[in-house]
Amino acid sequence: MELGLYTFADVGLEKGHIAPHERLRNLIEEIELADRVGLDVFGLGEHHRPDYAASAPAVILAAAAERTKRIRLTSAVSVLSSDDPVRVFQQFSTLDLISGGRAEIMAGRGSFIESFPLFGYDLGDYDALFAEKLDLLLKINESERVTWSGTLRAPINDRGVYPRPYQQKLPIWIAVGGTPQSVVRAATLGLPLALAIIGGEPARFAPFFELYREAARRAGHDPEKLATSLNVHGFIAETTERAADDFYGPQAEVMNRIGRERGWGPTNRAQFDQARGPRGALFVGDPDVVAEKIIAQHRIFGNDRFLLQMAIGEMQHDKILKAIELYGTKVAPIVRRETAKKEPA
């Protein structure tokens, strides 16, 4: 199973707190360390808000490509609905050339809506935009010259899209947050699926992977050849108590800020501690605790990839670096050893 990280490059909203230039310098160092300790994937989410510094993930990942050797570099996610598929492809194809074939695209509809009015799109077209633009992106990925027409974007008549990637084709994942229709779409298209779980009991999301595999089978795809990923929140420290104490404040601040925007009730330490228990959605603890939980979830989901969002809110850079080191040197060997074992007949 592949193990990795993702982040949105959180910054401070008040004077004196971490600034965008500082966060991005730190982020490159974090990606470099993740590569050095043997993690497989690093993802960077696209957002257009003052609390995040990553509105252009491909640019940041290209900088990281020059400081890394092996780790795969992906968006997490690209808000395809409000972007142009030609430019998304060109940016990540360029990243692929710079990195020697390590670029991926994780496409999604986006968990925030700021990019739609920013780029002149109607939220009433939320679903149609994604479906149409995904169709175009896939066609560009398949063929150097493209003829395409839709209803929400100007047509393309036998035009070439360049540069082409270092890989034969860019890996394109579909990221979902628990919408059955999105799961079925990914399966029908034969695209790998990334499922974000940030609350509740993860086991209750297992039917989404079952739906995905069954829908893929009905569409004529071999489910065994389609990759799946779990994307979750968590943190690792040398002791479980330290991990919980370090992670709770920044993570709670972010979740409460977003919650106020969306009408959620406030979180508290008791809820947090319950969520980091064996059945909860948070992967917080010492290396043994986190490894055990990743392995337990793998038994339920059979996922091929696991991505952990540790840098949430204004986490201290030195603590993030230590957490990445523990993830790569302590957690990863345990998880890889256990998940490589064949299930008993």
C-alpha atoms as a PDB file:
ATOM      1  CA  MET A   1       0.000   0.000   0.000  1.00  0.00           C
ATOM      2  CA  GLU A   2       1.229   3.489  -0.860  1.00  0.00           C
ATOM      3  CA  LEU A   3       1.531   5.931   2.031  1.00  0.00           C
ATOM      4  CA  GLY A   4       1.610   9.679   1.752  1.00  0.00           C
ATOM      5  CA  LEU A   5       0.604  13.116   2.918  1.00  0.00           C
ATOM      6  CA  TYR A   6      -1.537  15.984   1.725  1.00  0.00           C
ATOM      7  CA  THR A   7      -2.085  19.545   2.834  1.00  0.00           C
ATOM      8  CA  PHE A   8      -3.773  22.817   1.867  1.00  0.00           C
ATOM      9  CA  ALA A   9      -0.808  24.972   2.989  1.00  0.00           C
ATOM     10  CA  ASP A  10      -2.670  26.658   5.851  1.00  0.00           C
ATOM     11  CA  VAL A  11      -1.556  30.158   6.836  1.00  0.00           C
ATOM     12  CA  GLY A  12      -2.400  32.569   9.652  1.00  0.00           C
ATOM     13  CA  LEU A  13      -5.155  35.128   9.325  1.00  0.00           C
ATOM     14  CA  GLU A  14      -3.779  37.563  11.879  1.00  0.00           C
ATOM     15  CA  LYS A  15      -0.687  39.765  11.829  1.00  0.00           C
ATOM     16  CA  GLY A  16       2.301  38.040  13.351  1.00  0.00           C
ATOM     17  CA  HIS A  17       1.072  34.558  12.450  1.00  0.00           C
ATOM     18  CA  ILE A  18       2.581  32.374   9.737  1.00  0.00           C
ATOM     19  CA  ALA A  19       2.625  34.233   6.414  1.00  0.00           C
ATOM     20  CA  PRO A  20       2.191  32.703   2.931  1.00  0.00           C
ATOM     21  CA  HIS A  21       5.866  33.066   1.957  1.00  0.00           C
ATOM     22  CA  GLU A  22       6.957  31.371   5.166  1.00  0.00           C
ATOM     23  CA  ARG A  23       4.416  28.579   4.833  1.00  0.00           C
ATOM     24  CA  LEU A  24       5.459  27.798   1.271  1.00  0.00           C
ATOM     25  CA  ARG A  25       9.156  27.665   2.184  1.00  0.00           C
ATOM     26  CA  ASN A  26       8.303  25.300   5.012  1.00  0.00           C
ATOM     27  CA  LEU A  27       6.096  23.234   2.726  1.00  0.00           C
ATOM     28  CA  ILE A  28       8.909  22.576   0.251  1.00  0.00           C
ATOM     29  CA  GLU A  29      11.074  21.409   3.153  1.00  0.00           C
ATOM     30  CA  GLU A  30       8.277  19.092   4.306  1.00  0.00           C
ATOM     31  CA  ILE A  31       7.880  17.541   0.858  1.00  0.00           C
ATOM     32  CA  GLU A  32      11.647  17.098   0.612  1.00  0.00           C
ATOM     33  CA  LEU A  33      11.693  15.279   3.961  1.00  0.00           C
ATOM     34  CA  ALA A  34       8.723  13.101   2.991  1.00  0.00           C
ATOM     35  CA  ASP A  35      10.698  11.990  -0.052  1.00  0.00           C
ATOM     36  CA  ARG A  36      13.841  11.368   1.977  1.00  0.00           C
ATOM     37  CA  VAL A  37      12.111   9.142   4.551  1.00  0.00           C
ATOM     38  CA  GLY A  38      10.515   7.035   1.820  1.00  0.00           C
ATOM     39  CA  LEU A  39       6.890   8.151   1.661  1.00  0.00           C
ATOM     40  CA  ASP A  40       5.219   7.497  -1.683  1.00  0.00           C
ATOM     41  CA  VAL A  41       2.924  10.459  -2.393  1.00  0.00           C
ATOM     42  CA  PHE A  42       2.526  14.136  -1.514  1.00  0.00           C
ATOM     43  CA  GLY A  43      -0.699  15.951  -2.387  1.00  0.00           C
ATOM     44  CA  LEU A  44      -1.482  19.662  -2.373  1.00  0.00           C
ATOM     45  CA  GLY A  45      -5.014  21.024  -2.423  1.00  0.00           C
ATOM     46  CA  GLU A  46      -6.215  24.008  -4.459  1.00  0.00           C
ATOM     47  CA  HIS A  47      -8.043  26.716  -2.508  1.00  0.00           C
ATOM     48  CA  HIS A  48      -8.833  30.375  -3.123  1.00  0.00           C
ATOM     49  CA  ARG A  49      -9.222  31.644   0.443  1.00  0.00           C
ATOM     50  CA  PRO A  50      -7.062  33.805   2.719  1.00  0.00           C
ATOM     51  CA  ASP A  51      -6.438  30.907   5.113  1.00  0.00           C
ATOM     52  CA  TYR A  52      -4.625  28.802   2.478  1.00  0.00           C
ATOM     53  CA  ALA A  53      -1.545  29.589   0.359  1.00  0.00           C
ATOM     54  CA  ALA A  54      -2.030  26.957  -2.362  1.00  0.00           C
ATOM     55  CA  SER A  55      -4.163  28.423  -5.131  1.00  0.00           C
ATOM     56  CA  ALA A  56      -1.656  27.133  -7.722  1.00  0.00           C
ATOM     57  CA  PRO A  57      -0.591  23.620  -6.614  1.00  0.00           C
ATOM     58  CA  ALA A  58       1.307  22.784  -9.818  1.00  0.00           C
ATOM     59  CA  VAL A  59       3.695  25.701  -9.267  1.00  0.00           C
ATOM     60  CA  ILE A  60       4.519  24.619  -5.707  1.00  0.00           C
ATOM     61  CA  LEU A  61       4.827  20.966  -6.680  1.00  0.00           C
ATOM     62  CA  ALA A  62       7.197  21.922  -9.502  1.00  0.00           C
ATOM     63  CA  ALA A  63       9.447  23.633  -6.958  1.00  0.00           C
ATOM     64  CA  ALA A  64       9.278  20.479  -4.836  1.00  0.00           C
ATOM     65  CA  ALA A  65      10.091  18.318  -7.852  1.00  0.00           C
ATOM     66  CA  GLU A  66      13.547  19.890  -8.033  1.00  0.00           C
ATOM     67  CA  ARG A  67      14.182  19.003  -4.379  1.00  0.00           C
ATOM     68  CA  THR A  68      12.917  15.412  -4.514  1.00  0.00           C
ATOM     69  CA  LYS A  69      13.783  12.204  -6.335  1.00  0.00           C
ATOM     70  CA  ARG A  70      11.102   9.559  -5.899  1.00  0.00           C
ATOM     71  CA  ILE A  71       7.907  10.798  -4.275  1.00  0.00           C
ATOM     72  CA  ARG A  72       4.836  11.197  -6.491  1.00  0.00           C
ATOM     73  CA  LEU A  73       3.405  14.727  -6.629  1.00  0.00           C
ATOM     74  CA  THR A  74      -0.328  15.246  -6.970  1.00  0.00           C
ATOM     75  CA  SER A  75      -3.010  17.852  -6.580  1.00  0.00           C
ATOM     76  CA  ALA A  76      -5.399  17.098  -3.739  1.00  0.00           C
ATOM     77  CA  VAL A  77      -7.559  18.343  -5.318  1.00  0.00           C
ATOM     78  CA  SER A  78      -7.640  20.345  -8.541  1.00  0.00           C
ATOM     79  CA  VAL A  79     -10.998  22.146  -8.612  1.00  0.00           C
ATOM     80  CA  LEU A  80     -11.645  21.140 -12.189  1.00  0.00           C
ATOM     81  CA  SER A  81     -15.136  22.661 -12.344  1.00  0.00           C
ATOM     82  CA  SER A  82     -13.803  26.230 -12.193  1.00  0.00           C
ATOM     83  CA  ASP A  83     -10.587  25.706 -14.138  1.00  0.00           C
ATOM     84  CA  ASP A  84      -9.809  25.031 -17.782  1.00  0.00           C
ATOM     85  CA  PRO A  85      -8.941  21.387 -18.510  1.00  0.00           C
ATOM     86  CA  VAL A  86      -6.430  22.381 -21.178  1.00  0.00           C
ATOM     87  CA  ARG A  87      -4.446  24.478 -18.701  1.00  0.00           C
ATOM     88  CA  VAL A  88      -4.742  21.874 -15.936  1.00  0.00           C
ATOM     89  CA  PHE A  89      -3.339  19.262 -18.281  1.00  0.00           C
ATOM     90  CA  GLN A  90      -0.542  21.552 -19.486  1.00  0.00           C
ATOM     91  CA  GLN A  91       0.476  22.493 -15.950  1.00  0.00           C
ATOM     92  CA  PHE A  92       0.624  18.921 -14.690  1.00  0.00           C
ATOM     93  CA  SER A  93       2.207  17.660 -17.897  1.00  0.00           C
ATOM     94  CA  THR A  94       4.921  20.262 -17.354  1.00  0.00           C
ATOM     95  CA  LEU A  95       5.272  19.098 -13.744  1.00  0.00           C
ATOM     96  CA  ASP A  96       5.550  15.544 -15.035  1.00  0.00           C
ATOM     97  CA  LEU A  97       8.410  16.516 -17.351  1.00  0.00           C
ATOM     98  CA  ILE A  98      10.245  18.395 -14.592  1.00  0.00           C
ATOM     99  CA  SER A  99       9.826  15.532 -12.110  1.00  0.00           C
ATOM    100  CA  GLY A 100      10.671  12.730 -14.537  1.00  0.00           C
ATOM    101  CA  GLY A 101       7.219  11.151 -14.510  1.00  0.00           C
ATOM    102  CA  ARG A 102       5.972  11.689 -10.947  1.00  0.00           C
ATOM    103  CA  ALA A 103       2.942  13.947 -11.508  1.00  0.00           C
ATOM    104  CA  GLU A 104      -0.696  13.061 -10.910  1.00  0.00           C
ATOM    105  CA  ILE A 105      -3.992  14.928 -10.956  1.00  0.00           C
ATOM    106  CA  MET A 106      -6.634  14.400  -8.299  1.00  0.00           C
ATOM    107  CA  ALA A 107      -9.738  16.056  -9.740  1.00  0.00           C
ATOM    108  CA  GLY A 108     -12.738  17.095  -7.683  1.00  0.00           C
ATOM    109  CA  ARG A 109     -15.639  19.490  -7.536  1.00  0.00           C
ATOM    110  CA  GLY A 110     -14.148  21.292  -4.546  1.00  0.00           C
ATOM    111  CA  SER A 111     -15.246  21.577  -0.933  1.00  0.00           C
ATOM    112  CA  PHE A 112     -15.411  25.404  -1.093  1.00  0.00           C
ATOM    113  CA  ILE A 113     -17.188  27.592  -3.635  1.00  0.00           C
ATOM    114  CA  GLU A 114     -14.931  30.696  -3.799  1.00  0.00           C
ATOM    115  CA  SER A 115     -13.393  29.713  -7.144  1.00  0.00           C
ATOM    116  CA  PHE A 116     -16.738  29.732  -8.979  1.00  0.00           C
ATOM    117  CA  PRO A 117     -17.540  33.469  -8.763  1.00  0.00           C
ATOM    118  CA  LEU A 118     -13.800  34.244  -8.901  1.00  0.00           C
ATOM    119  CA  PHE A 119     -13.510  32.707 -12.372  1.00  0.00           C
ATOM    120  CA  GLY A 120     -16.986  33.660 -13.555  1.00  0.00           C
ATOM    121  CA  TYR A 121     -18.877  30.383 -13.200  1.00  0.00           C
ATOM    122  CA  ASP A 122     -22.469  29.855 -12.093  1.00  0.00           C
ATOM    123  CA  LEU A 123     -22.889  27.642  -9.044  1.00  0.00           C
ATOM    124  CA  GLY A 124     -26.093  26.413 -10.635  1.00  0.00           C
ATOM    125  CA  ASP A 125     -23.843  24.550 -13.084  1.00  0.00           C
ATOM    126  CA  TYR A 126     -21.847  22.920 -10.271  1.00  0.00           C
ATOM    127  CA  ASP A 127     -22.403  19.310 -11.370  1.00  0.00           C
ATOM    128  CA  ALA A 128     -22.555  19.929 -15.116  1.00  0.00           C
ATOM    129  CA  LEU A 129     -19.272  21.856 -15.078  1.00  0.00           C
ATOM    130  CA  PHE A 130     -17.403  19.018 -13.469  1.00  0.00           C
ATOM    131  CA  ALA A 131     -18.831  16.329 -15.730  1.00  0.00           C
ATOM    132  CA  GLU A 132     -18.110  18.292 -18.906  1.00  0.00           C
ATOM    133  CA  LYS A 133     -14.621  19.403 -17.940  1.00  0.00           C
ATOM    134  CA  LEU A 134     -13.658  15.953 -16.743  1.00  0.00           C
ATOM    135  CA  ASP A 135     -14.710  14.598 -20.124  1.00  0.00           C
ATOM    136  CA  LEU A 136     -12.436  17.096 -21.876  1.00  0.00           C
ATOM    137  CA  LEU A 137      -9.501  16.441 -19.524  1.00  0.00           C
ATOM    138  CA  LEU A 138      -9.716  12.715 -20.178  1.00  0.00           C
ATOM    139  CA  LYS A 139      -9.801  13.244 -23.939  1.00  0.00           C
ATOM    140  CA  ILE A 140      -6.723  15.469 -23.782  1.00  0.00           C
ATOM    141  CA  ASN A 141      -4.942  12.844 -21.701  1.00  0.00           C
ATOM    142  CA  GLU A 142      -5.766  10.156 -24.250  1.00  0.00           C
ATOM    143  CA  SER A 143      -4.847  11.984 -27.431  1.00  0.00           C
ATOM    144  CA  GLU A 144      -2.379  14.649 -28.523  1.00  0.00           C
ATOM    145  CA  ARG A 145      -4.918  16.193 -30.908  1.00  0.00           C
ATOM    146  CA  VAL A 146      -8.405  16.883 -29.631  1.00  0.00           C
ATOM    147  CA  THR A 147     -11.794  17.500 -31.178  1.00  0.00           C
ATOM    148  CA  TRP A 148     -14.414  18.154 -28.520  1.00  0.00           C
ATOM    149  CA  SER A 149     -17.595  20.128 -27.902  1.00  0.00           C
ATOM    150  CA  GLY A 150     -19.747  20.785 -24.866  1.00  0.00           C
ATOM    151  CA  THR A 151     -22.268  23.322 -23.611  1.00  0.00           C
ATOM    152  CA  LEU A 152     -20.314  25.272 -20.968  1.00  0.00           C
ATOM    153  CA  ARG A 153     -16.961  25.703 -22.701  1.00  0.00           C
ATOM    154  CA  ALA A 154     -15.983  26.661 -26.256  1.00  0.00           C
ATOM    155  CA  PRO A 155     -15.375  23.674 -28.552  1.00  0.00           C
ATOM    156  CA  ILE A 156     -11.970  22.463 -29.718  1.00  0.00           C
ATOM    157  CA  ASN A 157     -11.546  21.430 -33.347  1.00  0.00           C
ATOM    158  CA  ASP A 158      -8.547  19.200 -34.031  1.00  0.00           C
ATOM    159  CA  ARG A 159      -6.054  21.136 -31.927  1.00  0.00           C
ATOM    160  CA  GLY A 160      -2.910  19.785 -30.313  1.00  0.00           C
ATOM    161  CA  VAL A 161      -2.354  20.189 -26.554  1.00  0.00           C
ATOM    162  CA  TYR A 162       1.270  20.509 -25.439  1.00  0.00           C
ATOM    163  CA  PRO A 163       3.544  19.611 -23.821  1.00  0.00           C
ATOM    164  CA  ARG A 164       2.780  15.914 -23.516  1.00  0.00           C
ATOM    165  CA  PRO A 165       3.746  14.308 -20.202  1.00  0.00           C
ATOM    166  CA  TYR A 166       6.829  12.237 -19.473  1.00  0.00           C
ATOM    167  CA  GLN A 167       4.526   9.342 -18.603  1.00  0.00           C
ATOM    168  CA  GLN A 168       2.457   7.892 -21.420  1.00  0.00           C
ATOM    169  CA  LYS A 169      -0.609   9.365 -19.684  1.00  0.00           C
ATOM    170  CA  LEU A 170      -1.099  11.360 -16.505  1.00  0.00           C
ATOM    171  CA  PRO A 171      -2.721   9.371 -13.703  1.00  0.00           C
ATOM    172  CA  ILE A 172      -6.075  11.059 -13.030  1.00  0.00           C
ATOM    173  CA  TRP A 173      -7.881  10.273  -9.793  1.00  0.00           C
ATOM    174  CA  ILE A 174     -11.414  11.300  -8.839  1.00  0.00           C
ATOM    175  CA  ALA A 175     -11.744  12.665  -5.303  1.00  0.00           C
ATOM    176  CA  VAL A 176     -15.091  12.319  -3.533  1.00  0.00           C
ATOM    177  CA  GLY A 177     -16.459  13.198  -0.131  1.00  0.00           C
ATOM    178  CA  GLY A 178     -19.163  10.569   0.103  1.00  0.00           C
ATOM    179  CA  THR A 179     -21.540  11.259  -2.799  1.00  0.00           C
ATOM    180  CA  PRO A 180     -22.710   7.975  -4.384  1.00  0.00           C
ATOM    181  CA  GLN A 181     -23.155   9.567  -7.805  1.00  0.00           C
ATOM    182  CA  SER A 182     -19.514  10.688  -7.810  1.00  0.00           C
ATOM    183  CA  VAL A 183     -18.391   7.214  -6.810  1.00  0.00           C
ATOM    184  CA  VAL A 184     -20.355   5.653  -9.664  1.00  0.00           C
ATOM    185  CA  ARG A 185     -18.987   8.205 -12.143  1.00  0.00           C
ATOM    186  CA  ALA A 186     -15.392   7.322 -11.246  1.00  0.00           C
ATOM    187  CA  ALA A 187     -16.155   3.619 -11.524  1.00  0.00           C
ATOM    188  CA  THR A 188     -17.948   3.955 -14.851  1.00  0.00           C
ATOM    189  CA  LEU A 189     -15.008   5.878 -16.294  1.00  0.00           C
ATOM    190  CA  GLY A 190     -12.523   3.379 -14.893  1.00  0.00           C
ATOM    191  CA  LEU A 191     -10.686   6.026 -12.852  1.00  0.00           C
ATOM    192  CA  PRO A 192      -9.014   5.524  -9.454  1.00  0.00           C
ATOM    193  CA  LEU A 193     -11.015   6.813  -6.490  1.00  0.00           C
ATOM    194  CA  ALA A 194      -9.889   8.878  -3.487  1.00  0.00           C
ATOM    195  CA  LEU A 195     -12.366   9.031  -0.599  1.00  0.00           C
ATOM    196  CA  ALA A 196     -12.001  11.801   1.994  1.00  0.00           C
ATOM    197  CA  ILE A 197     -13.134  10.881   5.507  1.00  0.00           C
ATOM    198  CA  ILE A 198     -12.876  13.693   8.060  1.00  0.00           C
ATOM    199  CA  GLY A 199     -15.668  12.762  10.464  1.00  0.00           C
ATOM    200  CA  GLY A 200     -17.867   9.981  11.725  1.00  0.00           C
ATOM    201  CA  GLU A 201     -16.941   6.307  11.824  1.00  0.00           C
ATOM    202  CA  PRO A 202     -14.777   5.354   8.824  1.00  0.00           C
ATOM    203  CA  ALA A 203     -16.242   1.846   8.607  1.00  0.00           C
ATOM    204  CA  ARG A 204     -19.604   3.288   7.576  1.00  0.00           C
ATOM    205  CA  PHE A 205     -17.948   4.530   4.354  1.00  0.00           C
ATOM    206  CA  ALA A 206     -16.959   0.999   3.314  1.00  0.00           C
ATOM    207  CA  PRO A 207     -20.123   0.594   1.196  1.00  0.00           C
ATOM    208  CA  PHE A 208     -18.825   3.390  -1.070  1.00  0.00           C
ATOM    209  CA  PHE A 209     -15.870   1.230  -2.069  1.00  0.00           C
ATOM    210  CA  GLU A 210     -18.209  -1.728  -2.531  1.00  0.00           C
ATOM    211  CA  LEU A 211     -20.425   0.430  -4.750  1.00  0.00           C
ATOM    212  CA  TYR A 212     -17.355   1.615  -6.662  1.00  0.00           C
ATOM    213  CA  ARG A 213     -16.119  -1.892  -7.371  1.00  0.00           C
ATOM    214  CA  GLU A 214     -19.545  -3.182  -8.360  1.00  0.00           C
ATOM    215  CA  ALA A 215     -20.230  -0.194 -10.647  1.00  0.00           C
ATOM    216  CA  ALA A 216     -16.820  -0.679 -12.255  1.00  0.00           C
ATOM    217  CA  ARG A 217     -17.598  -4.326 -12.862  1.00  0.00           C
ATOM    218  CA  ARG A 218     -20.931  -3.455 -14.480  1.00  0.00           C
ATOM    219  CA  ALA A 219     -19.145  -0.917 -16.719  1.00  0.00           C
ATOM    220  CA  GLY A 220     -16.745  -3.577 -17.947  1.00  0.00           C
ATOM    221  CA  HIS A 221     -13.723  -2.590 -15.841  1.00  0.00           C
ATOM    222  CA  ASP A 222     -11.721  -4.982 -13.675  1.00  0.00           C
ATOM    223  CA  PRO A 223     -12.075  -3.680 -10.085  1.00  0.00           C
ATOM    224  CA  GLU A 224      -8.783  -5.360  -9.180  1.00  0.00           C
ATOM    225  CA  LYS A 225      -7.006  -2.955 -11.522  1.00  0.00           C
ATOM    226  CA  LEU A 226      -8.622   0.197 -10.123  1.00  0.00           C
ATOM    227  CA  ALA A 227      -6.807   1.901  -7.268  1.00  0.00           C
ATOM    228  CA  THR A 228      -8.509   3.375  -4.188  1.00  0.00           C
ATOM    229  CA  SER A 229      -7.272   5.817  -1.579  1.00  0.00           C
ATOM    230  CA  LEU A 230      -8.360   6.954   1.872  1.00  0.00           C
ATOM    231  CA  ASN A 231      -7.627  10.636   2.643  1.00  0.00           C
ATOM    232  CA  VAL A 232      -7.904  11.449   6.361  1.00  0.00           C
ATOM    233  CA  HIS A 233      -6.799  13.784   9.150  1.00  0.00           C
ATOM    234  CA  GLY A 234      -4.215  12.802  11.739  1.00  0.00           C
ATOM    235  CA  PHE A 235      -0.909  13.426  13.445  1.00  0.00           C
ATOM    236  CA  ILE A 236       2.035  11.432  14.764  1.00  0.00           C
ATOM    237  CA  ALA A 237       4.351  12.152  17.694  1.00  0.00           C
ATOM    238  CA  GLU A 238       6.619  10.091  19.896  1.00  0.00           C
ATOM    239  CA  THR A 239       3.785   9.619  22.403  1.00  0.00           C
ATOM    240  CA  THR A 240       0.051   9.470  21.838  1.00  0.00           C
ATOM    241  CA  GLU A 241      -0.543  12.155  24.441  1.00  0.00           C
ATOM    242  CA  ARG A 242       1.870  14.535  22.728  1.00  0.00           C
ATOM    243  CA  ALA A 243       0.309  13.871  19.316  1.00  0.00           C
ATOM    244  CA  ALA A 244      -3.165  14.619  20.657  1.00  0.00           C
ATOM    245  CA  ASP A 245      -2.094  17.768  22.484  1.00  0.00           C
ATOM    246  CA  ASP A 246      -0.161  19.130  19.504  1.00  0.00           C
ATOM    247  CA  PHE A 247      -2.884  18.408  16.960  1.00  0.00           C
ATOM    248  CA  TYR A 248      -6.073  19.291  18.832  1.00  0.00           C
ATOM    249  CA  GLY A 249      -5.718  23.085  18.983  1.00  0.00           C
ATOM    250  CA  PRO A 250      -4.911  23.828  15.312  1.00  0.00           C
ATOM    251  CA  GLN A 251      -7.281  21.177  13.978  1.00  0.00           C
ATOM    252  CA  ALA A 252     -10.151  22.339  16.199  1.00  0.00           C
ATOM    253  CA  GLU A 253      -9.597  25.972  15.205  1.00  0.00           C
ATOM    254  CA  VAL A 254      -9.865  25.088  11.508  1.00  0.00           C
ATOM    255  CA  MET A 255     -12.886  22.813  11.920  1.00  0.00           C
ATOM    256  CA  ASN A 256     -14.696  25.400  14.057  1.00  0.00           C
ATOM    257  CA  ARG A 257     -13.919  28.184  11.584  1.00  0.00           C
ATOM    258  CA  ILE A 258     -15.305  26.155   8.701  1.00  0.00           C
ATOM    259  CA  GLY A 259     -18.144  24.981  10.898  1.00  0.00           C
ATOM    260  CA  ARG A 260     -19.249  28.552  11.574  1.00  0.00           C
ATOM    261  CA  GLU A 261     -19.457  29.116   7.815  1.00  0.00           C
ATOM    262  CA  ARG A 262     -21.484  25.961   7.259  1.00  0.00           C
ATOM    263  CA  GLY A 263     -23.670  25.869  10.340  1.00  0.00           C
ATOM    264  CA  TRP A 264     -21.943  23.006  12.136  1.00  0.00           C
ATOM    265  CA  GLY A 265     -21.852  22.882  15.898  1.00  0.00           C
ATOM    266  CA  PRO A 266     -18.506  23.602  17.609  1.00  0.00           C
ATOM    267  CA  THR A 267     -16.122  20.761  18.350  1.00  0.00           C
ATOM    268  CA  ASN A 268     -14.523  20.109  21.734  1.00  0.00           C
ATOM    269  CA  ARG A 269     -11.751  18.002  23.261  1.00  0.00           C
ATOM    270  CA  ALA A 270     -14.103  15.192  24.286  1.00  0.00           C
ATOM    271  CA  GLN A 271     -15.315  14.807  20.700  1.00  0.00           C
ATOM    272  CA  PHE A 272     -11.741  14.969  19.467  1.00  0.00           C
ATOM    273  CA  ASP A 273     -10.605  12.259  21.870  1.00  0.00           C
ATOM    274  CA  GLN A 274     -13.493  10.052  20.796  1.00  0.00           C
ATOM    275  CA  ALA A 275     -12.645  10.609  17.126  1.00  0.00           C
ATOM    276  CA  ARG A 276      -9.059   9.456  17.667  1.00  0.00           C
ATOM    277  CA  GLY A 277     -10.265   6.204  19.210  1.00  0.00           C
ATOM    278  CA  PRO A 278     -10.198   2.892  17.312  1.00  0.00           C
ATOM    279  CA  ARG A 279     -13.491   3.565  15.484  1.00  0.00           C
ATOM    280  CA  GLY A 280     -13.074   7.292  14.910  1.00  0.00           C
ATOM    281  CA  ALA A 281     -11.945   9.213  11.834  1.00  0.00           C
ATOM    282  CA  LEU A 282      -8.769  10.784  13.290  1.00  0.00           C
ATOM    283  CA  PHE A 283      -5.441   8.974  13.000  1.00  0.00           C
ATOM    284  CA  VAL A 284      -3.665  10.549  15.968  1.00  0.00           C
ATOM    285  CA  GLY A 285      -1.078   8.877  18.162  1.00  0.00           C
ATOM    286  CA  ASP A 286       2.377   7.410  18.466  1.00  0.00           C
ATOM    287  CA  PRO A 287       3.734   5.382  15.533  1.00  0.00           C
ATOM    288  CA  ASP A 288       2.386   2.059  16.801  1.00  0.00           C
ATOM    289  CA  VAL A 289      -1.111   3.459  17.408  1.00  0.00           C
ATOM    290  CA  VAL A 290      -1.326   5.121  13.999  1.00  0.00           C
ATOM    291  CA  ALA A 291       0.126   2.104  12.171  1.00  0.00           C
ATOM    292  CA  GLU A 292      -2.352  -0.219  13.879  1.00  0.00           C
ATOM    293  CA  LYS A 293      -5.269   2.001  12.878  1.00  0.00           C
ATOM    294  CA  ILE A 294      -4.109   2.295   9.255  1.00  0.00           C
ATOM    295  CA  ILE A 295      -3.816  -1.501   9.066  1.00  0.00           C
ATOM    296  CA  ALA A 296      -7.268  -1.962  10.636  1.00  0.00           C
ATOM    297  CA  GLN A 297      -8.847   0.377   8.094  1.00  0.00           C
ATOM    298  CA  HIS A 298      -7.029  -1.390   5.266  1.00  0.00           C
ATOM    299  CA  ARG A 299      -8.682  -4.644   6.339  1.00  0.00           C
ATOM    300  CA  ILE A 300     -12.071  -2.953   6.000  1.00  0.00           C
ATOM    301  CA  PHE A 301     -11.505  -0.998   2.769  1.00  0.00           C
ATOM    302  CA  GLY A 302      -8.795  -2.898   0.911  1.00  0.00           C
ATOM    303  CA  ASN A 303      -7.419   0.487  -0.172  1.00  0.00           C
ATOM    304  CA  ASP A 304      -4.251   0.829  -2.246  1.00  0.00           C
ATOM    305  CA  ARG A 305      -3.235   4.242  -0.913  1.00  0.00           C
ATOM    306  CA  PHE A 306      -3.487   6.106   2.368  1.00  0.00           C
ATOM    307  CA  LEU A 307      -2.971   9.882   2.574  1.00  0.00           C
ATOM    308  CA  LEU A 308      -2.726  11.708   5.884  1.00  0.00           C
ATOM    309  CA  GLN A 309      -3.363  15.427   6.359  1.00  0.00           C
ATOM    310  CA  MET A 310      -1.196  16.405   9.332  1.00  0.00           C
ATOM    311  CA  ALA A 311      -0.445  20.070   8.608  1.00  0.00           C
ATOM    312  CA  ILE A 312      -3.869  21.490   9.481  1.00  0.00           C
ATOM    313  CA  GLY A 313      -4.099  25.052  10.743  1.00  0.00           C
ATOM    314  CA  GLU A 314      -1.005  26.704  12.170  1.00  0.00           C
ATOM    315  CA  MET A 315       0.989  23.647  13.179  1.00  0.00           C
ATOM    316  CA  GLN A 316       4.568  24.333  14.243  1.00  0.00           C
ATOM    317  CA  HIS A 317       6.963  23.503  11.427  1.00  0.00           C
ATOM    318  CA  ASP A 318       9.407  21.551  13.604  1.00  0.00           C
ATOM    319  CA  LYS A 319       6.569  19.365  14.890  1.00  0.00           C
ATOM    320  CA  ILE A 320       5.364  18.675  11.358  1.00  0.00           C
ATOM    321  CA  LEU A 321       8.887  17.677  10.342  1.00  0.00           C
ATOM    322  CA  LYS A 322       9.150  15.305  13.311  1.00  0.00           C
ATOM    323  CA  ALA A 323       5.755  13.816  12.471  1.00  0.00           C
ATOM    324  CA  ILE A 324       6.819  13.240   8.853  1.00  0.00           C
ATOM    325  CA  GLU A 325      10.018  11.576  10.028  1.00  0.00           C
ATOM    326  CA  LEU A 326       8.063   9.231  12.315  1.00  0.00           C
ATOM    327  CA  TYR A 327       5.551   8.487   9.556  1.00  0.00           C
ATOM    328  CA  GLY A 328       8.246   7.465   7.101  1.00  0.00           C
ATOM    329  CA  THR A 329      10.667   5.688   9.441  1.00  0.00           C
ATOM    330  CA  LYS A 330       8.356   4.126  12.044  1.00  0.00           C
ATOM    331  CA  VAL A 331       4.777   3.903  10.754  1.00  0.00           C
ATOM    332  CA  ALA A 332       5.429   3.052   7.101  1.00  0.00           C
ATOM    333  CA  PRO A 333       7.593  -0.053   7.694  1.00  0.00           C
ATOM    334  CA  ILE A 334       4.961  -1.581  10.000  1.00  0.00           C
ATOM    335  CA  VAL A 335       2.083  -0.835   7.628  1.00  0.00           C
ATOM    336  CA  ARG A 336       3.915  -2.066   4.541  1.00  0.00           C
ATOM    337  CA  ARG A 337       4.938  -5.283   6.244  1.00  0.00           C
ATOM    338  CA  GLU A 338       1.454  -6.078   7.503  1.00  0.00           C
ATOM    339  CA  THR A 339      -0.467  -5.070   4.373  1.00  0.00           C
ATOM    340  CA  ALA A 340       1.898  -7.060   2.170  1.00  0.00           C
ATOM    341  CA  LYS A 341       0.899 -10.264   3.932  1.00  0.00           C
ATOM    342  CA  LYS A 342      -1.569 -12.391   2.025  1.00  0.00           C
ATOM    343  CA  GLU A 343      -4.960 -12.832   3.580  1.00  0.00           C
ATOM    344  CA  PRO A 344      -5.608 -16.416   4.744  1.00  0.00           C
ATOM    345  CA  ALA A 345      -7.567 -18.562   2.299  1.00  0.00           C
END
